[in-house]
Every structure is written in C-alpha cells, then in structure tokens.
C-alpha cells in the first residue's frame, strides 16, 4: 500500500474515483496520475505536482491549491469553486467545462489554459492578467 500524505510520490498511478477528502496532500507528486472523478474536497494540495495528470470530473471544491503545478493537466468538467489557486501554474491545462468562477485565481496564469469563453470573461474581469 502506498503511503498517502504530504510529499508522497503517487506519480504514474491510477486512483479513479478515489476519496481524498479533507487530507493534507501538500507537495504530493501526482505527475501523470489518473485521478478522474476523485473527490479532493477540502484537501490541502498546496505545492502539489499535477503535471499532465488527468482530473476529469474531479471535485476540487474548497481546496488549497496554492502554488500547485497543473501544466498540461486535463481538468475538464472538474469542480473548482471556492478553491484557492494563488500562484498555481496552469500552462496548457485543459479547464474546459469547469466550475471555478468563485475560486481565487490570484497570480495563477489562467490565461495560458484552455477554458470556455464564459469563464474566461469572468476571470478577465475579476483576476486580470498581471503586467
């Protein structure tokens, strides 16, 4: 059994539909992991590495995602409301169909991600690209 806690290495593994609710997963390596339909609600994922991971339909509501790395991750139809994405890396992340209008996107480069036009317009007004 893989130990799941801060700084664990869960890269290149499949956890489809796993329940990670209210866990401290700060700094965990989820690189290229398959996390579709997982429930992370209320978890601390600050500094976690989600590069090229699949989080299709995952529930990331009320999560601390400060400084998390989502470069190339697939988050289509994920629930992101009330989460904190401060300083998250979102280059080439697929955020189409997500619910994240009420999340905190400060210093997160959402403009470098693929997202629906309606969410793009909301984020453009509330969290404009910093110069």
N, C-alpha and C. Protein backbone atom coordinates (compact mmCIF):
# COMPACT_ATOMS: atom_id res chain seq x y z
N UNK A 1 0.84 -1.19 0.00
CA UNK A 1 0.00 0.00 0.00
C UNK A 1 0.88 1.25 0.00
N UNK A 2 0.51 2.21 -0.81
CA UNK A 2 1.25 3.45 -0.92
C UNK A 2 0.85 4.37 0.22
N UNK A 3 1.82 4.94 0.91
CA UNK A 3 1.52 5.89 1.98
C UNK A 3 1.08 7.19 1.34
N UNK A 4 -0.07 7.68 1.78
CA UNK A 4 -0.60 8.91 1.23
C UNK A 4 -0.54 9.97 2.31
N UNK A 5 0.25 10.99 2.07
CA UNK A 5 0.40 12.10 3.00
C UNK A 5 1.28 13.15 2.34
N UNK A 6 1.64 14.19 3.07
CA UNK A 6 2.47 15.24 2.48
C UNK A 6 3.73 14.69 1.83
N UNK A 7 4.05 15.19 0.66
CA UNK A 7 5.25 14.86 -0.11
C UNK A 7 5.33 13.42 -0.62
N UNK A 8 4.23 12.69 -0.63
CA UNK A 8 4.22 11.32 -1.16
C UNK A 8 4.40 11.35 -2.69
N UNK A 9 4.86 10.25 -3.26
CA UNK A 9 5.01 10.15 -4.71
C UNK A 9 3.95 9.18 -5.24
N UNK A 10 2.92 9.75 -5.85
CA UNK A 10 1.83 8.96 -6.43
C UNK A 10 1.81 9.12 -7.94
N UNK A 11 2.94 9.49 -8.51
CA UNK A 11 3.03 9.72 -9.95
C UNK A 11 2.82 8.44 -10.73
N UNK A 12 2.30 8.58 -11.95
CA UNK A 12 2.12 7.48 -12.89
C UNK A 12 1.24 6.35 -12.34
N UNK A 13 0.29 6.68 -11.45
CA UNK A 13 -0.61 5.68 -10.88
C UNK A 13 -2.05 6.05 -11.18
N UNK A 14 -2.96 5.12 -11.00
CA UNK A 14 -4.38 5.35 -11.25
C UNK A 14 -5.15 5.28 -9.93
N UNK A 15 -5.94 6.33 -9.69
CA UNK A 15 -6.77 6.41 -8.49
C UNK A 15 -8.19 6.83 -8.88
N UNK A 16 -8.72 6.31 -9.95
CA UNK A 16 -10.03 6.73 -10.47
C UNK A 16 -11.09 6.59 -9.38
N UNK A 17 -11.80 7.71 -9.12
CA UNK A 17 -12.89 7.73 -8.16
C UNK A 17 -12.48 7.64 -6.70
N UNK A 18 -11.20 7.78 -6.39
CA UNK A 18 -10.70 7.67 -5.02
C UNK A 18 -11.18 8.84 -4.17
N UNK A 19 -11.36 8.61 -2.88
CA UNK A 19 -11.79 9.64 -1.94
C UNK A 19 -10.58 10.19 -1.19
N UNK A 20 -10.18 11.42 -1.54
CA UNK A 20 -9.07 12.12 -0.89
C UNK A 20 -9.58 13.29 -0.04
N UNK A 21 -10.85 13.28 0.35
CA UNK A 21 -11.45 14.41 1.07
C UNK A 21 -10.71 14.76 2.35
N UNK A 22 -10.57 16.07 2.57
CA UNK A 22 -10.04 16.63 3.83
C UNK A 22 -8.68 16.06 4.23
N UNK A 23 -7.82 15.79 3.25
CA UNK A 23 -6.49 15.25 3.54
C UNK A 23 -5.42 16.31 3.34
N UNK A 24 -4.29 16.16 4.02
CA UNK A 24 -3.14 17.02 3.79
C UNK A 24 -2.27 16.33 2.75
N UNK A 25 -2.36 16.82 1.52
CA UNK A 25 -1.61 16.26 0.40
C UNK A 25 -0.66 17.31 -0.17
N UNK A 26 -0.21 18.21 0.68
CA UNK A 26 0.68 19.29 0.24
C UNK A 26 1.99 18.69 -0.28
N UNK A 27 2.39 19.16 -1.45
CA UNK A 27 3.64 18.73 -2.05
C UNK A 27 3.63 17.34 -2.66
N UNK A 28 2.48 16.69 -2.72
CA UNK A 28 2.41 15.33 -3.27
C UNK A 28 2.68 15.36 -4.77
N UNK A 29 3.38 14.36 -5.26
CA UNK A 29 3.66 14.23 -6.68
C UNK A 29 2.58 13.35 -7.32
N UNK A 30 1.64 14.02 -8.05
CA UNK A 30 0.59 13.33 -8.79
C UNK A 30 0.90 13.39 -10.30
N UNK A 31 2.14 13.59 -10.66
CA UNK A 31 2.50 13.77 -12.06
C UNK A 31 2.05 12.58 -12.90
N UNK A 32 1.30 12.88 -13.98
CA UNK A 32 0.76 11.90 -14.92
C UNK A 32 -0.15 10.85 -14.27
N UNK A 33 -0.66 11.12 -13.09
CA UNK A 33 -1.58 10.20 -12.43
C UNK A 33 -2.97 10.33 -13.05
N UNK A 34 -3.75 9.27 -12.96
CA UNK A 34 -5.13 9.30 -13.45
C UNK A 34 -6.02 9.44 -12.22
N UNK A 35 -6.63 10.63 -12.09
CA UNK A 35 -7.40 10.99 -10.91
C UNK A 35 -8.83 11.37 -11.29
N UNK A 36 -9.34 10.80 -12.37
CA UNK A 36 -10.68 11.12 -12.85
C UNK A 36 -11.72 10.81 -11.78
N UNK A 37 -12.66 11.71 -11.61
CA UNK A 37 -13.78 11.60 -10.68
C UNK A 37 -13.36 11.44 -9.21
N UNK A 38 -12.13 11.82 -8.87
CA UNK A 38 -11.70 11.76 -7.48
C UNK A 38 -12.32 12.90 -6.68
N UNK A 39 -12.50 12.68 -5.39
CA UNK A 39 -13.04 13.70 -4.50
C UNK A 39 -11.90 14.21 -3.61
N UNK A 40 -11.48 15.44 -3.88
CA UNK A 40 -10.43 16.09 -3.10
C UNK A 40 -11.01 17.19 -2.20
N UNK A 41 -12.32 17.28 -2.11
CA UNK A 41 -12.98 18.41 -1.46
C UNK A 41 -12.39 18.70 -0.07
N UNK A 42 -12.00 19.96 0.13
CA UNK A 42 -11.47 20.42 1.40
C UNK A 42 -10.03 20.03 1.69
N UNK A 43 -9.34 19.44 0.74
CA UNK A 43 -7.96 18.99 0.97
C UNK A 43 -6.94 20.09 0.77
N UNK A 44 -5.78 19.92 1.42
CA UNK A 44 -4.66 20.82 1.23
C UNK A 44 -3.76 20.21 0.17
N UNK A 45 -3.74 20.83 -1.02
CA UNK A 45 -2.94 20.36 -2.14
C UNK A 45 -1.90 21.43 -2.53
N UNK A 46 -1.56 22.28 -1.59
CA UNK A 46 -0.60 23.35 -1.86
C UNK A 46 0.73 22.76 -2.32
N UNK A 47 1.24 23.27 -3.42
CA UNK A 47 2.53 22.82 -3.93
C UNK A 47 2.53 21.45 -4.57
N UNK A 48 1.36 20.84 -4.76
CA UNK A 48 1.29 19.51 -5.38
C UNK A 48 1.64 19.59 -6.86
N UNK A 49 2.17 18.51 -7.39
CA UNK A 49 2.58 18.44 -8.80
C UNK A 49 1.56 17.59 -9.57
N UNK A 50 0.75 18.26 -10.39
CA UNK A 50 -0.26 17.60 -11.21
C UNK A 50 0.10 17.67 -12.70
N UNK A 51 1.37 17.84 -13.02
CA UNK A 51 1.75 17.98 -14.43
C UNK A 51 1.27 16.78 -15.24
N UNK A 52 0.53 17.08 -16.32
CA UNK A 52 -0.01 16.10 -17.26
C UNK A 52 -0.87 15.03 -16.59
N UNK A 53 -1.43 15.33 -15.42
CA UNK A 53 -2.34 14.40 -14.75
C UNK A 53 -3.73 14.54 -15.36
N UNK A 54 -4.55 13.52 -15.21
CA UNK A 54 -5.94 13.55 -15.67
C UNK A 54 -6.84 13.67 -14.45
N UNK A 55 -7.58 14.79 -14.38
CA UNK A 55 -8.50 15.06 -13.28
C UNK A 55 -9.90 15.32 -13.84
N UNK A 56 -10.31 14.58 -14.84
CA UNK A 56 -11.60 14.77 -15.50
C UNK A 56 -12.71 14.52 -14.48
N UNK A 57 -13.57 15.51 -14.28
CA UNK A 57 -14.70 15.39 -13.38
C UNK A 57 -14.33 15.32 -11.90
N UNK A 58 -13.11 15.68 -11.55
CA UNK A 58 -12.68 15.64 -10.15
C UNK A 58 -13.34 16.77 -9.35
N UNK A 59 -13.55 16.52 -8.08
CA UNK A 59 -14.12 17.53 -7.17
C UNK A 59 -12.99 18.14 -6.36
N UNK A 60 -12.60 19.37 -6.74
CA UNK A 60 -11.54 20.10 -6.06
C UNK A 60 -12.11 21.32 -5.32
N UNK A 61 -13.38 21.26 -4.95
CA UNK A 61 -14.00 22.39 -4.26
C UNK A 61 -13.41 22.56 -2.87
N UNK A 62 -13.24 23.83 -2.49
CA UNK A 62 -12.75 24.21 -1.16
C UNK A 62 -11.33 23.71 -0.89
N UNK A 63 -10.53 23.53 -1.93
CA UNK A 63 -9.16 23.04 -1.78
C UNK A 63 -8.16 24.19 -1.74
N UNK A 64 -7.07 23.97 -1.01
CA UNK A 64 -5.93 24.87 -1.04
C UNK A 64 -4.99 24.35 -2.12
N UNK A 65 -4.90 25.09 -3.22
CA UNK A 65 -4.07 24.68 -4.36
C UNK A 65 -2.97 25.70 -4.63
N UNK A 66 -2.59 26.43 -3.60
CA UNK A 66 -1.57 27.47 -3.73
C UNK A 66 -0.27 26.89 -4.26
N UNK A 67 0.22 27.46 -5.35
CA UNK A 67 1.49 27.02 -5.92
C UNK A 67 1.48 25.65 -6.55
N UNK A 68 0.31 25.05 -6.74
CA UNK A 68 0.24 23.73 -7.39
C UNK A 68 0.60 23.86 -8.87
N UNK A 69 1.13 22.80 -9.43
CA UNK A 69 1.57 22.79 -10.82
C UNK A 69 0.62 21.93 -11.65
N UNK A 70 -0.20 22.60 -12.48
CA UNK A 70 -1.18 21.93 -13.33
C UNK A 70 -0.78 22.00 -14.80
N UNK A 71 0.49 22.22 -15.12
CA UNK A 71 0.90 22.36 -16.51
C UNK A 71 0.58 21.09 -17.29
N UNK A 72 -0.23 21.26 -18.35
CA UNK A 72 -0.60 20.16 -19.21
C UNK A 72 -1.64 19.21 -18.62
N UNK A 73 -2.19 19.53 -17.46
CA UNK A 73 -3.18 18.66 -16.81
C UNK A 73 -4.54 18.79 -17.50
N UNK A 74 -5.30 17.72 -17.41
CA UNK A 74 -6.64 17.70 -18.00
C UNK A 74 -7.66 17.76 -16.86
N UNK A 75 -8.32 18.93 -16.74
CA UNK A 75 -9.30 19.15 -15.68
C UNK A 75 -10.69 19.39 -16.24
N UNK A 76 -11.01 18.83 -17.38
CA UNK A 76 -12.32 19.07 -17.98
C UNK A 76 -13.43 18.64 -17.02
N UNK A 77 -14.42 19.51 -16.92
CA UNK A 77 -15.60 19.31 -16.07
C UNK A 77 -15.29 19.09 -14.59
N UNK A 78 -14.13 19.58 -14.14
CA UNK A 78 -13.79 19.49 -12.72
C UNK A 78 -14.53 20.60 -11.96
N UNK A 79 -14.76 20.37 -10.68
CA UNK A 79 -15.41 21.36 -9.82
C UNK A 79 -14.32 22.07 -9.04
N UNK A 80 -14.18 23.38 -9.28
CA UNK A 80 -13.10 24.14 -8.67
C UNK A 80 -13.60 25.30 -7.80
N UNK A 81 -14.91 25.45 -7.64
CA UNK A 81 -15.45 26.57 -6.86
C UNK A 81 -14.92 26.59 -5.44
N UNK A 82 -14.73 27.81 -4.94
CA UNK A 82 -14.29 28.08 -3.58
C UNK A 82 -12.89 27.55 -3.27
N UNK A 83 -12.11 27.24 -4.31
CA UNK A 83 -10.73 26.80 -4.11
C UNK A 83 -9.78 27.98 -4.26
N UNK A 84 -8.58 27.79 -3.77
CA UNK A 84 -7.57 28.84 -3.80
C UNK A 84 -6.43 28.41 -4.71
N UNK A 85 -6.31 29.08 -5.87
CA UNK A 85 -5.29 28.78 -6.87
C UNK A 85 -4.15 29.79 -6.88
N UNK A 86 -3.90 30.48 -5.77
CA UNK A 86 -2.88 31.53 -5.76
C UNK A 86 -1.53 30.98 -6.21
N UNK A 87 -0.99 31.57 -7.25
CA UNK A 87 0.33 31.19 -7.74
C UNK A 87 0.39 29.85 -8.45
N UNK A 88 -0.75 29.26 -8.78
CA UNK A 88 -0.75 27.97 -9.48
C UNK A 88 -0.27 28.13 -10.91
N UNK A 89 0.40 27.11 -11.44
CA UNK A 89 0.88 27.11 -12.82
C UNK A 89 -0.14 26.36 -13.67
N UNK A 90 -0.69 27.04 -14.69
CA UNK A 90 -1.77 26.48 -15.49
C UNK A 90 -1.46 26.43 -16.98
N UNK A 91 -0.19 26.49 -17.37
CA UNK A 91 0.19 26.46 -18.78
C UNK A 91 -0.36 25.19 -19.44
N UNK A 92 -1.11 25.37 -20.52
CA UNK A 92 -1.68 24.27 -21.31
C UNK A 92 -2.62 23.35 -20.54
N UNK A 93 -3.10 23.76 -19.38
CA UNK A 93 -4.08 22.96 -18.65
C UNK A 93 -5.42 23.06 -19.38
N UNK A 94 -6.17 21.98 -19.41
CA UNK A 94 -7.48 21.96 -20.07
C UNK A 94 -8.55 22.15 -19.00
N UNK A 95 -9.09 23.37 -18.95
CA UNK A 95 -10.10 23.73 -17.95
C UNK A 95 -11.47 23.91 -18.58
N UNK A 96 -11.70 23.29 -19.72
CA UNK A 96 -13.00 23.45 -20.38
C UNK A 96 -14.09 22.74 -19.59
N UNK A 97 -15.19 23.45 -19.41
CA UNK A 97 -16.35 22.89 -18.72
C UNK A 97 -16.22 22.88 -17.21
N UNK A 98 -15.23 23.57 -16.64
CA UNK A 98 -15.07 23.58 -15.19
C UNK A 98 -16.00 24.58 -14.52
N UNK A 99 -16.25 24.33 -13.26
CA UNK A 99 -16.94 25.30 -12.41
C UNK A 99 -15.88 25.88 -11.50
N UNK A 100 -15.52 27.13 -11.71
CA UNK A 100 -14.46 27.74 -10.92
C UNK A 100 -14.58 29.23 -10.84
N UNK A 101 -15.76 29.72 -11.14
CA UNK A 101 -15.99 31.16 -11.16
C UNK A 101 -15.79 31.77 -9.78
N UNK A 102 -16.03 31.03 -8.71
CA UNK A 102 -15.92 31.57 -7.35
C UNK A 102 -14.65 31.14 -6.64
N UNK A 103 -13.65 30.74 -7.38
CA UNK A 103 -12.35 30.37 -6.81
C UNK A 103 -11.46 31.62 -6.77
N UNK A 104 -10.36 31.52 -6.06
CA UNK A 104 -9.37 32.60 -6.00
C UNK A 104 -8.26 32.25 -6.97
N UNK A 105 -8.06 33.10 -7.98
CA UNK A 105 -7.11 32.84 -9.07
C UNK A 105 -5.94 33.83 -9.05
N UNK A 106 -5.66 34.46 -7.92
CA UNK A 106 -4.60 35.47 -7.83
C UNK A 106 -3.24 34.88 -8.21
N UNK A 107 -2.53 35.53 -9.10
CA UNK A 107 -1.20 35.14 -9.61
C UNK A 107 -1.18 33.77 -10.28
N UNK A 108 -2.35 33.22 -10.62
CA UNK A 108 -2.41 31.97 -11.40
C UNK A 108 -2.58 32.36 -12.86
N UNK A 109 -1.81 31.77 -13.75
CA UNK A 109 -1.84 32.16 -15.17
C UNK A 109 -2.96 31.43 -15.93
N UNK A 110 -4.21 31.70 -15.54
CA UNK A 110 -5.38 31.08 -16.17
C UNK A 110 -5.45 31.41 -17.66
N UNK A 111 -4.88 32.52 -18.10
CA UNK A 111 -4.93 32.94 -19.50
C UNK A 111 -4.11 32.02 -20.40
N UNK A 112 -3.22 31.22 -19.83
CA UNK A 112 -2.42 30.27 -20.60
C UNK A 112 -3.07 28.88 -20.66
N UNK A 113 -4.28 28.75 -20.10
CA UNK A 113 -5.00 27.47 -20.09
C UNK A 113 -6.10 27.49 -21.14
N UNK A 114 -6.60 26.30 -21.48
CA UNK A 114 -7.75 26.18 -22.38
C UNK A 114 -8.99 26.23 -21.50
N UNK A 115 -9.87 27.23 -21.74
CA UNK A 115 -11.09 27.31 -20.97
C UNK A 115 -12.22 27.90 -21.78
N UNK A 116 -13.43 27.69 -21.32
CA UNK A 116 -14.62 28.19 -22.01
C UNK A 116 -14.65 29.71 -21.97
N UNK A 117 -15.26 30.30 -23.00
CA UNK A 117 -15.31 31.75 -23.11
C UNK A 117 -16.03 32.41 -21.94
N UNK A 118 -17.10 31.79 -21.42
CA UNK A 118 -17.83 32.41 -20.31
C UNK A 118 -16.96 32.51 -19.06
N UNK A 119 -16.20 31.47 -18.75
CA UNK A 119 -15.29 31.53 -17.60
C UNK A 119 -14.16 32.51 -17.87
N UNK A 120 -13.64 32.52 -19.10
CA UNK A 120 -12.58 33.45 -19.46
C UNK A 120 -13.01 34.89 -19.21
N UNK A 121 -14.25 35.24 -19.58
CA UNK A 121 -14.75 36.61 -19.39
C UNK A 121 -14.86 36.96 -17.91
N UNK A 122 -15.34 36.04 -17.11
CA UNK A 122 -15.46 36.28 -15.66
C UNK A 122 -14.07 36.48 -15.04
N UNK A 123 -13.14 35.61 -15.38
CA UNK A 123 -11.79 35.70 -14.81
C UNK A 123 -11.07 36.95 -15.29
N UNK A 124 -11.32 37.34 -16.52
CA UNK A 124 -10.68 38.54 -17.07
C UNK A 124 -11.07 39.78 -16.26
N UNK A 125 -12.32 39.83 -15.82
CA UNK A 125 -12.80 40.97 -15.03
C UNK A 125 -12.31 40.90 -13.59
N UNK A 126 -12.40 39.73 -13.00
CA UNK A 126 -12.10 39.60 -11.57
C UNK A 126 -10.62 39.40 -11.28
N UNK A 127 -9.92 38.65 -12.14
CA UNK A 127 -8.49 38.34 -11.94
C UNK A 127 -7.71 38.67 -13.22
N UNK A 128 -7.60 39.96 -13.57
CA UNK A 128 -6.93 40.32 -14.84
C UNK A 128 -5.46 39.90 -14.87
N UNK A 129 -4.99 39.71 -16.10
CA UNK A 129 -3.59 39.33 -16.31
C UNK A 129 -2.69 40.41 -15.74
N UNK A 130 -1.74 39.99 -14.91
CA UNK A 130 -0.83 40.97 -14.29
C UNK A 130 0.26 41.36 -15.27
N UNK A 131 0.64 42.62 -15.24
CA UNK A 131 1.69 43.12 -16.15
C UNK A 131 3.07 42.88 -15.63
